[in-house]
Amino acid sequence: MNWRRLTTPSALFWWGLLGLTWALSTYSFPLYKALDARWIIRFPKGWQLNFEGWISSAMKWLLEDASFGLFTFQELTRFISAIIEVPYDAARALLADGFVRGLGSNAVDIAPPLSWIAVTALMVLLARYARGWGLAALVGACFVYLAVFGQWDSAMVTLASVVIAVPIGVLGGLALGIASYRAAWVERSLRPVLDLMQTVPIFAYLVPILFLFGFGPVSALVATVIYAMPPMVRVATVALQSVPPEVVEAGHMAGCTKRQMMWKVLVPSAAPTLMVGVNQVIMLSLNMVIIASMIGAGGLGFDVLSALRRLDIGGGIEAGLAIVVIAIALDRVSQAFASRLPDAAPVRGANIAQRHPYLVVAALIVVVTYLASLALPFVQDYPERFTLTTSAFWEDAMRWINITFFDTLDTIKSFFLTWLLLPVKRFFTGIPWAWGIIAAGLAAARVGGWRLGLMAAVMAGLIAAVGLWDKAMTTVYLCGVSVLIAYAIGVPLGIWAGQRARAHAWVGAFIDTLQTLPSFVYLIPVVMLFRVGDFSAMIAVVLYALAPAVRYAAHGVRSVDPQMIEAGLVAGCTPRQLLWRIKLPLAAPSLLLGLNQTIMLALSMLVITALVGTRDLGQEVYIALTKANVGQGIVAGLSVAFIAIIADRMISAMAAKSKERLGLT
């Protein structure tokens, strides 16, 4: 090791900052006792800013007194609810409940929902159209699984929410992306809003929406659309900006108007990239629909949530697997559309069946299955006597694991708690708030300049000023430990995958599966094996945040210029020297980007782990949700967002410096 690197001015700064922080963290409590100065460890109550009360009062005024002249704000929210409720009710009737006329005991059935065979056949047809029979078989197996294992009704309720939320999210995101493409000021205005929307915890969305729209599926859909739209806005903007100038020039030479240029040239040219955004909206919608079950979305998310509350191991795993199955089917179909080539133009004089064969087949499937269901009930509903359940199997398996490996699992848990989690927790929660603000500012200024340092200090100061310093430090400790472990596992795995093609294929499939799983699903096995607490939360966060660490490390190593590797081989480098002296230094920007994304995912998952008993900002948001306390929820959510923004800006500055040092800019 080159020890001189440890004594450079930069290294001495970081050693000094760490040493001083450790000393103040360790001795702040004795210092408070000796000086009888409680302000050292607690932000004085008299200095606290009552943002919580101000926000709650503002929301109350908005809902009760705000008026736009012709209508009140409350009437506006009811109008929006009605607009969303109509298509949602139609989708739910089509997939789950059937069409009825009248209410309550006077309701009369008009038509049943689509049968399980019809929905499965339509999804198979869609997958066949998107790619081929291989994907069609996978999607068909996924939907048959839902019917065979008794998850059909809940799955259709979840699918109805996704079917409505995705088009709204895609169209809204595309409209904002087009506005950003056409006007630079729109893009500049939207960027900080999108940053905030993507860093505010998912639960924090639910609190004000619950207050404005009430408890029910409409609130869940509004929260889903708001959560899923930002990636579509970013992807649409980048996709339109990336259209080759030759294509744009050809459009101008053909005499296209502004509208024709957008809809006949730019959007079709950007379609493959736009489909990546659609895929992101689908996956985020599915993730959010599950979480939104807490405010009345129902479906599979509610089944998982109620199973977690009852500690129903088998029921929770069955509902969780059903979510995974739907996620895999929708993910693969949307990815197939992203890479699908355009259809060939139909021959002149072709009839409607030749011009639109898939639509005709789909219509035939609906009609034939409906008529068949009138005589054959099993066509409409999967026979209950043929339903399988694995609940008892999972119950027995978990009981066997817990009994057989109780000592081993308990030893692992105690080891990590004793030697890692508790010492790190004591370090972070012992940092006095005043020094924490200064340290955040100094660290940020060191890596990104005084402006970044000032921003970090102001944000840390606001967290302290609203009285959430202790919970924020608990969040930083749990996130820090989880990111450290995820990075320690993910980077070597990514380096291994980046250097071997076969390993890359296997690891890629594993990471794709991890990224397909909704965040809720990770909680089920860890709670079953390790019960509630910080250790279970850490395991769930590590699993959820592992993917970007692996993916970006593999991408960084594979992207190293082959000429640089060739030069190293000519110079006589061993494989170890090639890795440590050439590949890893050149992959540093990608590794830092992976660290950034790992932190963002860890923070988003931490809020969900509040369900397993953590005592951090996520728990604060969850409590606000249960009490419908808008101010408390928004303040806690913004505190998490501030932590995410500070980490994001610092790592982005480090990546920029790394690129500059390597001459990659």
Foldseek 3Di string as FASTA:
>chain_A
DPCVVCVDPVNVVVVVLVVVLQVLLVCVVVVCVVVVPCCQQAPDPVLFDPLLVVVLVVLVCQCPPAAPVVGGNLVVLVVLLVVLVVQLVVQCCQQANPDWPDDDPPIHGDAHHFFLVLVLVLLLLLLCVLAHNVLSVLSSVLSVLCQQQVQRNLVSLLVSLLVSLLVVLLVVLLVLLVVCQVDVVSVVVCVVVLLLLLQQFLLLLLLSLCVSNNFAQSSLSVSLSSNLNSLLNVLNNVLLVPQDVVQLVVCVVVVDDPVCCVPVGRCVSSVLSSLVSSLSSSLSSLLSLLVSVVRHSGGLSVQLVVCVVVVQQQSNLSSLVSSLSVLVSSNVSSNSNSPDDDDDQFDPPDDPCRRCVSVVVSVVSRVVLRVVCVVPVCSRHPDPVSHDGCSVVRVVVLVCCCVVCVVVLVVVLCCCVVPPQVVLLSSQSSRGLVSVLQSLLVLLCVLFNNVLSVLLSVLSVSCSSNRARNQLSLLCSLLVVLLVVLLVVQLVLLLVLLVDVVSVVVVVVVLVSLQSRRLSSLLSVLCSRPNFDSVSLSSSLSSNLNNLSNVLNSVQQNPFDVVQLVVCVVVPDDPVCCVPVGRCLSSVLSNLVSSLSSSSSSLNSSLVSVSRPRRHLSVQLVVCNVVSSSSSNNSSSVSSSSVSVSSNSSSVSNSVVSCVVVVND
